């Protein structure tokens, strides 16, 4: 089995990946991660933790999140039920694309994944009720290194597909600092893929 498509979303290292599927009358089989095969395709990462998120309603916003070095994380995000608007924001001071963002719809129907490298803050908005997201990370969760940025920061100006006033947001995410006050990375990020 091979990867069907690896597509750049326009920011350094942010990729949409569509894993291959073998289908028959019973259903399908898909290899969503294979360290050796992904490395052969130029994605050489070692994941150490899997996270699973469930959101009951459409309009749940989670993010924008990142961890500082030495616990910065690469993330491989996929949806096993429902759909999300998945966003990566370049937070590498000195980067030519600093404060720019890209997004893609990631869904169980499309069977796609988003790779978000170190140096990017990540968030998503559920587009359907009962959405489940699974993502792999290259460093474990570290509360001391966990940081957030406001999802509605006007400097970033993410074009969310639903009205911001209707988002369901955690207290932590609602209180996150704006980009100008947040702890960020310097470019290039130590340990990041180029």
N, C-alpha and C. Protein backbone atom coordinates (compact mmCIF):
# COMPACT_ATOMS: atom_id res chain seq x y z
N UNK A 1 0.84 -1.18 0.00
CA UNK A 1 0.00 0.00 0.00
C UNK A 1 0.88 1.24 0.00
N UNK A 2 0.49 2.25 -0.76
CA UNK A 2 1.30 3.46 -0.83
C UNK A 2 0.44 4.68 -0.53
N UNK A 3 1.12 5.81 -0.30
CA UNK A 3 0.42 7.07 -0.13
C UNK A 3 -0.15 7.48 -1.48
N UNK A 4 -1.36 7.94 -1.49
CA UNK A 4 -1.98 8.37 -2.75
C UNK A 4 -1.51 9.77 -3.12
N UNK A 5 -1.59 10.70 -2.17
CA UNK A 5 -1.26 12.10 -2.47
C UNK A 5 -0.59 12.72 -1.26
N UNK A 6 0.47 13.47 -1.51
CA UNK A 6 1.05 14.36 -0.51
C UNK A 6 1.04 15.74 -1.16
N UNK A 7 0.31 16.67 -0.57
CA UNK A 7 0.12 17.98 -1.19
C UNK A 7 0.49 19.08 -0.21
N UNK A 8 1.37 19.99 -0.63
CA UNK A 8 1.72 21.14 0.20
C UNK A 8 0.53 22.10 0.24
N UNK A 9 0.29 22.66 1.42
CA UNK A 9 -0.77 23.66 1.54
C UNK A 9 -0.24 25.08 1.41
N UNK A 10 1.05 25.22 1.09
CA UNK A 10 1.59 26.54 0.78
C UNK A 10 2.45 27.15 1.87
N UNK A 11 2.46 26.59 3.07
CA UNK A 11 3.36 27.04 4.12
C UNK A 11 4.36 25.93 4.40
N UNK A 12 5.59 26.31 4.67
CA UNK A 12 6.73 25.41 4.87
C UNK A 12 6.41 24.19 5.73
N UNK A 13 6.24 23.03 5.09
CA UNK A 13 6.08 21.78 5.82
C UNK A 13 4.67 21.39 6.17
N UNK A 14 3.67 22.25 5.95
CA UNK A 14 2.28 21.90 6.23
C UNK A 14 1.76 21.12 5.02
N UNK A 15 1.39 19.86 5.26
CA UNK A 15 1.03 18.96 4.16
C UNK A 15 -0.34 18.32 4.38
N UNK A 16 -1.07 18.15 3.29
CA UNK A 16 -2.26 17.31 3.30
C UNK A 16 -1.84 15.96 2.74
N UNK A 17 -2.22 14.90 3.45
CA UNK A 17 -1.84 13.54 3.06
C UNK A 17 -3.11 12.72 2.90
N UNK A 18 -3.22 12.01 1.79
CA UNK A 18 -4.35 11.12 1.56
C UNK A 18 -3.82 9.69 1.50
N UNK A 19 -3.96 8.91 2.59
CA UNK A 19 -3.47 7.53 2.58
C UNK A 19 -4.28 6.67 1.63
N UNK A 20 -3.61 5.66 1.07
CA UNK A 20 -4.30 4.72 0.20
C UNK A 20 -5.27 3.84 0.98
N UNK A 21 -6.26 3.31 0.28
CA UNK A 21 -7.22 2.39 0.89
C UNK A 21 -7.43 1.20 -0.03
N UNK A 22 -7.55 0.04 0.57
CA UNK A 22 -7.92 -1.17 -0.17
C UNK A 22 -9.38 -1.44 0.20
N UNK A 23 -10.25 -1.45 -0.80
CA UNK A 23 -11.67 -1.60 -0.54
C UNK A 23 -12.22 -2.85 -1.20
N UNK A 24 -13.19 -3.47 -0.56
CA UNK A 24 -13.94 -4.57 -1.15
C UNK A 24 -15.35 -4.53 -0.58
N UNK A 25 -16.12 -5.58 -0.83
CA UNK A 25 -17.53 -5.58 -0.39
C UNK A 25 -17.68 -5.53 1.13
N UNK A 26 -16.63 -5.87 1.88
CA UNK A 26 -16.70 -5.85 3.35
C UNK A 26 -16.43 -4.47 3.93
N UNK A 27 -15.74 -3.61 3.17
CA UNK A 27 -15.35 -2.30 3.68
C UNK A 27 -13.99 -1.91 3.13
N UNK A 28 -13.09 -1.46 4.00
CA UNK A 28 -11.77 -1.05 3.53
C UNK A 28 -10.72 -1.31 4.59
N UNK A 29 -9.44 -1.25 4.15
CA UNK A 29 -8.28 -1.28 5.02
C UNK A 29 -7.38 -0.13 4.58
N UNK A 30 -6.81 0.59 5.57
CA UNK A 30 -5.92 1.70 5.25
C UNK A 30 -4.78 1.76 6.24
N UNK A 31 -3.59 1.97 5.74
CA UNK A 31 -2.42 2.18 6.57
C UNK A 31 -2.27 3.70 6.71
N UNK A 32 -2.68 4.24 7.86
CA UNK A 32 -2.67 5.69 8.03
C UNK A 32 -1.32 6.23 8.47
N UNK A 33 -0.46 5.36 9.02
CA UNK A 33 0.90 5.76 9.37
C UNK A 33 1.81 4.54 9.28
N UNK A 34 2.92 4.71 8.58
CA UNK A 34 3.96 3.70 8.50
C UNK A 34 5.28 4.47 8.49
N UNK A 35 6.03 4.40 9.58
CA UNK A 35 7.21 5.24 9.74
C UNK A 35 8.20 5.08 8.57
N UNK A 36 8.46 3.85 8.16
CA UNK A 36 9.42 3.61 7.08
C UNK A 36 8.90 4.17 5.74
N UNK A 37 7.65 3.86 5.41
CA UNK A 37 7.11 4.32 4.13
C UNK A 37 6.97 5.84 4.06
N UNK A 38 6.58 6.45 5.18
CA UNK A 38 6.48 7.91 5.19
C UNK A 38 7.87 8.52 5.05
N UNK A 39 8.88 7.93 5.71
CA UNK A 39 10.25 8.44 5.60
C UNK A 39 10.73 8.37 4.14
N UNK A 40 10.39 7.28 3.46
CA UNK A 40 10.75 7.15 2.04
C UNK A 40 10.09 8.23 1.19
N UNK A 41 8.95 8.73 1.66
CA UNK A 41 8.23 9.79 0.95
C UNK A 41 8.68 11.18 1.42
N UNK A 42 9.71 11.23 2.30
CA UNK A 42 10.25 12.51 2.75
C UNK A 42 9.69 13.02 4.06
N UNK A 43 8.90 12.20 4.75
CA UNK A 43 8.31 12.60 6.04
C UNK A 43 8.91 11.71 7.12
N UNK A 44 10.08 12.12 7.62
CA UNK A 44 10.83 11.31 8.59
C UNK A 44 10.54 11.82 10.00
N UNK A 45 9.53 11.25 10.63
CA UNK A 45 9.14 11.65 11.98
C UNK A 45 8.98 10.41 12.85
N UNK A 46 9.19 10.61 14.14
CA UNK A 46 8.97 9.54 15.10
C UNK A 46 7.91 10.02 16.10
N UNK A 47 6.73 9.43 16.04
CA UNK A 47 5.64 9.84 16.92
C UNK A 47 5.69 9.06 18.23
N UNK A 48 5.37 9.76 19.33
CA UNK A 48 5.48 9.16 20.67
C UNK A 48 4.15 9.11 21.42
N UNK A 49 3.13 9.77 20.90
CA UNK A 49 1.86 9.83 21.62
C UNK A 49 0.72 10.01 20.63
N UNK A 50 -0.40 9.33 20.87
CA UNK A 50 -1.63 9.53 20.10
C UNK A 50 -2.66 10.20 21.00
N UNK A 51 -3.37 11.19 20.45
CA UNK A 51 -4.42 11.89 21.17
C UNK A 51 -5.74 11.69 20.43
N UNK A 52 -6.84 11.61 21.19
CA UNK A 52 -8.16 11.38 20.63
C UNK A 52 -9.11 12.41 21.23
N UNK A 53 -9.76 13.18 20.37
CA UNK A 53 -10.65 14.26 20.79
C UNK A 53 -12.06 13.99 20.26
N UNK A 54 -13.06 14.14 21.11
CA UNK A 54 -14.46 14.02 20.70
C UNK A 54 -15.16 15.35 20.95
N UNK A 55 -15.92 15.83 19.99
CA UNK A 55 -16.70 17.05 20.13
C UNK A 55 -18.15 16.73 19.77
N UNK A 56 -19.06 17.00 20.70
CA UNK A 56 -20.46 16.62 20.54
C UNK A 56 -21.20 17.48 19.52
N UNK A 57 -20.79 18.75 19.39
CA UNK A 57 -21.57 19.68 18.57
C UNK A 57 -20.77 20.23 17.39
N UNK A 58 -21.47 20.70 16.40
CA UNK A 58 -20.87 21.51 15.33
C UNK A 58 -20.50 22.85 15.94
N UNK A 59 -19.36 23.41 15.57
CA UNK A 59 -18.97 24.73 16.06
C UNK A 59 -18.09 24.70 17.29
N UNK A 60 -17.58 23.53 17.67
CA UNK A 60 -16.62 23.46 18.78
C UNK A 60 -15.26 23.89 18.24
N UNK A 61 -14.65 24.86 18.91
CA UNK A 61 -13.34 25.36 18.52
C UNK A 61 -12.30 24.88 19.53
N UNK A 62 -11.24 24.27 19.05
CA UNK A 62 -10.12 23.85 19.91
C UNK A 62 -8.86 24.46 19.31
N UNK A 63 -8.23 25.35 20.07
CA UNK A 63 -6.99 25.96 19.60
C UNK A 63 -7.03 27.47 19.74
N UNK A 64 -5.99 28.06 19.32
CA UNK A 64 -4.79 27.61 18.63
C UNK A 64 -3.75 27.17 19.66
N UNK A 65 -3.19 25.98 19.52
CA UNK A 65 -2.29 25.40 20.52
C UNK A 65 -0.93 25.06 19.93
N UNK A 66 0.09 25.15 20.79
CA UNK A 66 1.44 24.68 20.45
C UNK A 66 2.20 24.46 21.75
N UNK A 67 3.31 23.75 21.64
CA UNK A 67 4.21 23.56 22.78
C UNK A 67 5.57 24.14 22.43
N UNK A 68 6.21 24.78 23.41
CA UNK A 68 7.52 25.37 23.21
C UNK A 68 8.61 24.30 23.27
N UNK A 69 9.78 24.62 22.71
CA UNK A 69 10.94 23.73 22.79
C UNK A 69 11.37 23.59 24.25
N UNK A 70 11.87 22.45 24.67
CA UNK A 70 12.24 21.29 23.84
C UNK A 70 11.09 20.31 23.64
N UNK A 71 9.85 20.70 23.94
CA UNK A 71 8.70 19.81 23.77
C UNK A 71 7.82 20.20 22.59
N UNK A 72 8.38 20.96 21.65
CA UNK A 72 7.63 21.32 20.44
C UNK A 72 7.20 20.03 19.74
N UNK A 73 6.03 20.10 19.09
CA UNK A 73 5.45 18.90 18.50
C UNK A 73 5.16 19.07 17.01
N UNK A 74 5.50 18.02 16.24
CA UNK A 74 4.92 17.84 14.92
C UNK A 74 3.63 17.08 15.16
N UNK A 75 2.58 17.37 14.39
CA UNK A 75 1.29 16.70 14.56
C UNK A 75 0.82 16.12 13.23
N UNK A 76 0.24 14.94 13.29
CA UNK A 76 -0.42 14.32 12.14
C UNK A 76 -1.87 14.11 12.54
N UNK A 77 -2.77 14.91 11.94
CA UNK A 77 -4.16 15.00 12.37
C UNK A 77 -5.06 14.30 11.36
N UNK A 78 -5.99 13.47 11.87
CA UNK A 78 -6.99 12.85 11.00
C UNK A 78 -8.32 12.78 11.75
N UNK A 79 -9.38 12.61 10.99
CA UNK A 79 -10.74 12.55 11.54
C UNK A 79 -11.31 11.18 11.25
N UNK A 80 -11.83 10.52 12.30
CA UNK A 80 -12.42 9.19 12.07
C UNK A 80 -13.94 9.24 12.04
N UNK A 81 -14.52 10.37 12.48
CA UNK A 81 -15.97 10.57 12.37
C UNK A 81 -16.22 12.07 12.31
N UNK A 82 -17.00 12.51 11.33
CA UNK A 82 -17.32 13.93 11.20
C UNK A 82 -16.34 14.68 10.33
N UNK A 83 -16.19 15.98 10.61
CA UNK A 83 -15.34 16.84 9.78
C UNK A 83 -14.90 18.05 10.59
N UNK A 84 -13.70 18.56 10.25
CA UNK A 84 -13.17 19.76 10.90
C UNK A 84 -12.60 20.70 9.85
N UNK A 85 -12.54 21.98 10.21
CA UNK A 85 -11.78 22.99 9.50
C UNK A 85 -10.49 23.10 10.29
N UNK A 86 -9.39 22.56 9.75
CA UNK A 86 -8.13 22.42 10.46
C UNK A 86 -7.16 23.51 10.03
N UNK A 87 -6.56 24.21 11.01
CA UNK A 87 -5.77 25.41 10.75
C UNK A 87 -4.36 25.27 11.32
N UNK A 88 -3.38 25.72 10.56
CA UNK A 88 -1.99 25.84 11.02
C UNK A 88 -1.55 27.28 10.80
N UNK A 89 -0.95 27.89 11.86
CA UNK A 89 -0.48 29.27 11.80
C UNK A 89 1.02 29.28 12.03
N UNK A 90 1.76 29.92 11.14
CA UNK A 90 3.21 30.03 11.28
C UNK A 90 3.53 31.01 12.41
N UNK A 91 4.14 30.50 13.49
CA UNK A 91 4.49 31.35 14.64
C UNK A 91 6.01 31.36 14.85
N UNK A 92 6.76 31.29 13.74
CA UNK A 92 8.22 31.33 13.78
C UNK A 92 8.68 32.76 13.48
N UNK A 93 9.05 33.50 14.54
CA UNK A 93 9.52 34.87 14.33
C UNK A 93 10.71 34.86 13.38
N UNK A 94 10.67 35.72 12.38
CA UNK A 94 11.73 35.78 11.38
C UNK A 94 11.42 34.95 10.14
N UNK A 95 10.38 34.14 10.18
CA UNK A 95 9.99 33.35 9.01
C UNK A 95 9.36 34.26 7.96
N UNK A 96 9.61 34.00 6.68
CA UNK A 96 8.97 34.80 5.63
C UNK A 96 7.44 34.72 5.66
N UNK A 97 6.91 33.66 6.27
CA UNK A 97 5.45 33.51 6.31
C UNK A 97 4.90 33.68 7.74
N UNK A 98 5.64 34.40 8.61
CA UNK A 98 5.20 34.60 9.98
C UNK A 98 3.78 35.18 10.02
N UNK A 99 2.95 34.60 10.90
CA UNK A 99 1.56 35.01 11.14
C UNK A 99 0.61 34.63 10.00
N UNK A 100 1.10 33.95 8.98
CA UNK A 100 0.21 33.47 7.92
C UNK A 100 -0.38 32.12 8.33
N UNK A 101 -1.53 31.82 7.77
CA UNK A 101 -2.22 30.58 8.11
C UNK A 101 -2.67 29.86 6.84
N UNK A 102 -2.84 28.54 7.00
CA UNK A 102 -3.46 27.72 5.96
C UNK A 102 -4.47 26.82 6.66
N UNK A 103 -5.42 26.33 5.88
CA UNK A 103 -6.45 25.46 6.44
C UNK A 103 -6.91 24.46 5.40
N UNK A 104 -7.47 23.38 5.89
CA UNK A 104 -8.07 22.38 5.02
C UNK A 104 -9.20 21.72 5.77
N UNK A 105 -10.22 21.30 5.04
CA UNK A 105 -11.24 20.46 5.65
C UNK A 105 -10.65 19.06 5.76
N UNK A 106 -10.65 18.52 6.96
CA UNK A 106 -10.20 17.16 7.21
C UNK A 106 -11.44 16.40 7.67
N UNK A 107 -11.71 15.26 7.04
CA UNK A 107 -12.95 14.57 7.37
C UNK A 107 -12.81 13.06 7.21
N UNK A 108 -13.70 12.34 7.86
CA UNK A 108 -13.76 10.89 7.70
C UNK A 108 -14.12 10.55 6.25
N UNK A 109 -14.97 11.34 5.64
CA UNK A 109 -15.39 11.09 4.26
C UNK A 109 -14.22 11.24 3.29
N UNK A 110 -13.43 12.30 3.44
CA UNK A 110 -12.30 12.55 2.54
C UNK A 110 -11.11 11.63 2.84
N UNK A 111 -11.02 11.12 4.07
CA UNK A 111 -9.94 10.22 4.52
C UNK A 111 -8.57 10.87 4.33
N UNK A 112 -8.51 12.17 4.61
CA UNK A 112 -7.25 12.89 4.50
C UNK A 112 -6.67 13.17 5.89
N UNK A 113 -5.42 13.58 5.90
CA UNK A 113 -4.72 13.92 7.13
C UNK A 113 -3.99 15.23 6.91
N UNK A 114 -3.70 15.95 8.00
CA UNK A 114 -2.92 17.17 7.91
C UNK A 114 -1.67 17.01 8.77
N UNK A 115 -0.52 17.28 8.18
CA UNK A 115 0.75 17.27 8.91
C UNK A 115 1.10 18.71 9.25
N UNK A 116 1.25 18.98 10.55
CA UNK A 116 1.56 20.32 11.04
C UNK A 116 2.91 20.25 11.75
N UNK A 117 3.94 20.90 11.21
CA UNK A 117 5.28 20.79 11.80
C UNK A 117 5.47 21.70 13.02
N UNK A 118 6.57 21.45 13.71
CA UNK A 118 6.99 22.33 14.81
C UNK A 118 7.07 23.76 14.28
N UNK A 119 6.76 24.72 15.14
CA UNK A 119 6.82 26.12 14.73
C UNK A 119 5.49 26.66 14.24
N UNK A 120 4.45 25.81 14.29
CA UNK A 120 3.11 26.23 13.89
C UNK A 120 2.16 26.02 15.06
N UNK A 121 1.23 26.94 15.23
CA UNK A 121 0.16 26.74 16.19
C UNK A 121 -1.01 26.10 15.45
N UNK A 122 -1.74 25.25 16.15
CA UNK A 122 -2.75 24.42 15.50
C UNK A 122 -4.10 24.59 16.20
N UNK A 123 -5.15 24.60 15.41
CA UNK A 123 -6.50 24.61 15.96
C UNK A 123 -7.47 24.05 14.94
N UNK A 124 -8.65 23.68 15.44
CA UNK A 124 -9.68 23.21 14.51
C UNK A 124 -11.06 23.56 15.01
N UNK A 125 -11.98 23.63 14.05
CA UNK A 125 -13.38 23.92 14.30
C UNK A 125 -14.20 22.76 13.75
N UNK A 126 -15.08 22.19 14.57
CA UNK A 126 -15.89 21.08 14.08
C UNK A 126 -16.96 21.60 13.12
N UNK A 127 -17.11 20.88 12.02
CA UNK A 127 -18.09 21.23 10.99
C UNK A 127 -19.32 20.36 11.05
N UNK A 128 -19.27 19.31 11.86
CA UNK A 128 -20.39 18.39 12.04
C UNK A 128 -20.48 18.00 13.50
N UNK A 129 -21.68 17.63 13.98
CA UNK A 129 -21.77 17.08 15.34
C UNK A 129 -21.10 15.72 15.42
N UNK A 130 -20.78 15.31 16.64
CA UNK A 130 -20.19 13.99 16.91
C UNK A 130 -18.93 13.76 16.08
N UNK A 131 -18.02 14.71 16.16
CA UNK A 131 -16.76 14.62 15.42
C UNK A 131 -15.65 14.08 16.32
N UNK A 132 -14.90 13.12 15.78
CA UNK A 132 -13.77 12.55 16.51
C UNK A 132 -12.48 12.76 15.72
N UNK A 133 -11.49 13.31 16.41
CA UNK A 133 -10.20 13.64 15.81
C UNK A 133 -9.13 12.82 16.53
N UNK A 134 -8.23 12.22 15.75
CA UNK A 134 -7.09 11.51 16.31
C UNK A 134 -5.84 12.16 15.74
N UNK A 135 -4.89 12.48 16.62
CA UNK A 135 -3.64 13.03 16.10
C UNK A 135 -2.45 12.49 16.86
N UNK A 136 -1.39 12.26 16.07
CA UNK A 136 -0.13 11.76 16.57
C UNK A 136 0.79 12.96 16.82
N UNK A 137 1.64 12.87 17.84
CA UNK A 137 2.58 13.95 18.13
C UNK A 137 3.98 13.38 18.37
N UNK A 138 5.00 14.20 18.08
CA UNK A 138 6.38 13.75 18.19
C UNK A 138 7.00 14.03 19.56
N UNK A 139 6.30 14.71 20.44
CA UNK A 139 6.73 14.90 21.82
C UNK A 139 5.53 14.74 22.72
N UNK A 140 5.73 14.25 23.95
CA UNK A 140 4.59 14.10 24.85
C UNK A 140 4.07 15.45 25.31
N UNK A 141 2.85 15.44 25.83
CA UNK A 141 2.26 16.65 26.38
C UNK A 141 3.08 17.11 27.57
N UNK A 142 3.40 18.40 27.62
CA UNK A 142 4.13 19.00 28.73
C UNK A 142 3.39 20.26 29.17
N UNK A 143 2.68 20.21 30.31
CA UNK A 143 1.93 21.38 30.76
C UNK A 143 2.80 22.64 30.88
N UNK A 144 4.07 22.48 31.27
CA UNK A 144 4.95 23.64 31.44
C UNK A 144 5.31 24.30 30.11
N UNK A 145 5.15 23.59 29.00
CA UNK A 145 5.50 24.12 27.68
C UNK A 145 4.28 24.38 26.80
N UNK A 146 3.10 24.10 27.30
CA UNK A 146 1.85 24.25 26.56
C UNK A 146 1.49 25.73 26.45
N UNK A 147 1.19 26.20 25.23
CA UNK A 147 0.84 27.60 24.99
C UNK A 147 -0.34 27.68 24.02
N UNK A 148 -1.02 28.83 24.03
CA UNK A 148 -2.17 29.08 23.15
C UNK A 148 -2.08 30.48 22.57
N UNK A 149 -2.78 30.67 21.47
CA UNK A 149 -2.94 31.97 20.83
C UNK A 149 -4.42 32.14 20.51
N UNK A 150 -4.91 33.38 20.61
CA UNK A 150 -6.32 33.64 20.34
C UNK A 150 -6.70 33.23 18.93
N UNK A 151 -7.78 32.47 18.84
CA UNK A 151 -8.29 31.98 17.55
C UNK A 151 -8.85 33.11 16.69
N UNK A 152 -9.21 34.24 17.31
CA UNK A 152 -9.80 35.36 16.57
C UNK A 152 -8.88 36.58 16.54
N UNK A 153 -7.57 36.35 16.66
CA UNK A 153 -6.60 37.43 16.62
C UNK A 153 -6.68 38.15 15.27
N UNK A 154 -6.93 39.47 15.27
CA UNK A 154 -7.06 40.18 13.99
C UNK A 154 -5.76 40.23 13.19
N UNK A 155 -4.60 40.09 13.85
CA UNK A 155 -3.33 40.07 13.11
C UNK A 155 -3.23 38.82 12.23
N UNK A 156 -3.79 37.71 12.70
CA UNK A 156 -3.78 36.47 11.93
C UNK A 156 -4.95 36.44 10.96
N UNK A 157 -6.12 36.84 11.43
CA UNK A 157 -7.34 36.99 10.60
C UNK A 157 -7.74 35.70 9.89
N UNK A 158 -7.91 34.63 10.67
CA UNK A 158 -8.36 33.36 10.10
C UNK A 158 -9.80 33.53 9.61
N UNK A 159 -10.08 33.07 8.41
CA UNK A 159 -11.42 33.13 7.83
C UNK A 159 -12.17 31.85 8.21
N UNK A 160 -12.63 31.80 9.44
CA UNK A 160 -13.37 30.62 9.91
C UNK A 160 -14.66 30.47 9.11
N UNK A 161 -15.09 29.24 8.83
CA UNK A 161 -16.28 29.03 7.99
C UNK A 161 -17.61 29.17 8.71
N UNK A 162 -17.58 29.38 10.02
CA UNK A 162 -18.80 29.59 10.81
C UNK A 162 -18.65 30.89 11.58
N UNK A 163 -19.75 31.52 12.01
CA UNK A 163 -19.65 32.77 12.77
C UNK A 163 -18.95 32.55 14.12
N UNK A 164 -17.92 33.36 14.38
CA UNK A 164 -17.12 33.24 15.60
C UNK A 164 -18.00 33.37 16.85
N UNK A 165 -19.02 34.19 16.80
CA UNK A 165 -19.89 34.40 17.96
C UNK A 165 -20.61 33.13 18.39
N UNK A 166 -20.71 32.15 17.50
CA UNK A 166 -21.43 30.91 17.82
C UNK A 166 -20.50 29.77 18.23
N UNK A 167 -19.18 30.01 18.27
CA UNK A 167 -18.24 28.96 18.64
C UNK A 167 -18.45 28.52 20.09
N UNK A 168 -18.23 27.24 20.35
CA UNK A 168 -18.11 26.74 21.72
C UNK A 168 -16.62 26.67 22.00
N UNK A 169 -16.16 27.47 22.96
CA UNK A 169 -14.73 27.63 23.22
C UNK A 169 -14.47 27.38 24.70
N UNK A 170 -13.37 26.72 25.02
CA UNK A 170 -12.99 26.51 26.42
C UNK A 170 -12.57 27.84 27.05
N UNK A 171 -12.62 27.92 28.36
CA UNK A 171 -12.16 29.12 29.07
C UNK A 171 -10.69 29.39 28.75
N UNK A 172 -9.90 28.32 28.68
CA UNK A 172 -8.46 28.46 28.37
C UNK A 172 -8.26 29.12 27.01
N UNK A 173 -8.98 28.65 25.99
CA UNK A 173 -8.80 29.19 24.65
C UNK A 173 -9.36 30.61 24.54
N UNK A 174 -10.43 30.90 25.26
CA UNK A 174 -11.00 32.25 25.25
C UNK A 174 -10.06 33.26 25.89
N UNK A 175 -9.22 32.81 26.83
CA UNK A 175 -8.30 33.70 27.55
C UNK A 175 -6.90 33.71 26.95
N UNK A 176 -6.69 33.02 25.83
CA UNK A 176 -5.36 32.96 25.23
C UNK A 176 -4.89 34.34 24.79
N UNK A 177 -3.57 34.58 24.83
CA UNK A 177 -3.06 35.89 24.41
C UNK A 177 -3.10 36.07 22.90
N UNK A 178 -3.05 37.31 22.47
CA UNK A 178 -2.89 37.61 21.05
C UNK A 178 -1.48 37.25 20.62
N UNK A 179 -1.27 37.13 19.32
CA UNK A 179 0.02 36.74 18.78
C UNK A 179 1.15 37.62 19.30
N UNK A 180 0.93 38.92 19.37
CA UNK A 180 1.96 39.87 19.80
C UNK A 180 2.40 39.68 21.24
N UNK A 181 1.60 39.03 22.08
CA UNK A 181 1.94 38.80 23.48
C UNK A 181 2.29 37.34 23.77
N UNK A 182 2.22 36.48 22.78
CA UNK A 182 2.41 35.04 22.99
C UNK A 182 3.88 34.66 22.94
N UNK A 183 4.20 33.55 23.64
CA UNK A 183 5.54 32.97 23.54
C UNK A 183 5.58 32.14 22.26
N UNK A 184 6.56 32.45 21.40
CA UNK A 184 6.62 31.85 20.07
C UNK A 184 7.97 31.19 19.84
N UNK A 185 8.26 30.85 18.61
CA UNK A 185 9.51 30.25 18.19
C UNK A 185 10.32 31.27 17.40
N UNK A 186 11.63 31.05 17.33
CA UNK A 186 12.47 31.80 16.40
C UNK A 186 12.69 30.92 15.18
N UNK A 187 12.90 31.54 14.04
CA UNK A 187 13.10 30.83 12.79
C UNK A 187 14.58 30.69 12.51
N UNK A 188 15.09 29.51 12.12
CA UNK A 188 14.35 28.25 12.05
C UNK A 188 14.17 27.63 13.42
N UNK A 189 13.21 26.71 13.53
CA UNK A 189 12.92 26.03 14.79
C UNK A 189 13.88 24.86 14.94
N UNK A 190 14.54 24.78 16.09
CA UNK A 190 15.46 23.68 16.34
C UNK A 190 14.71 22.35 16.28
N UNK A 191 15.26 21.42 15.53
CA UNK A 191 14.66 20.09 15.43
C UNK A 191 13.53 19.99 14.42
N UNK A 192 13.21 21.08 13.72
CA UNK A 192 12.11 21.03 12.75
C UNK A 192 12.62 20.53 11.40
N UNK A 193 11.75 19.87 10.65
CA UNK A 193 12.07 19.45 9.30
C UNK A 193 12.07 20.68 8.39
N UNK A 194 12.93 20.69 7.41
CA UNK A 194 12.91 21.78 6.42
C UNK A 194 12.51 21.24 5.08
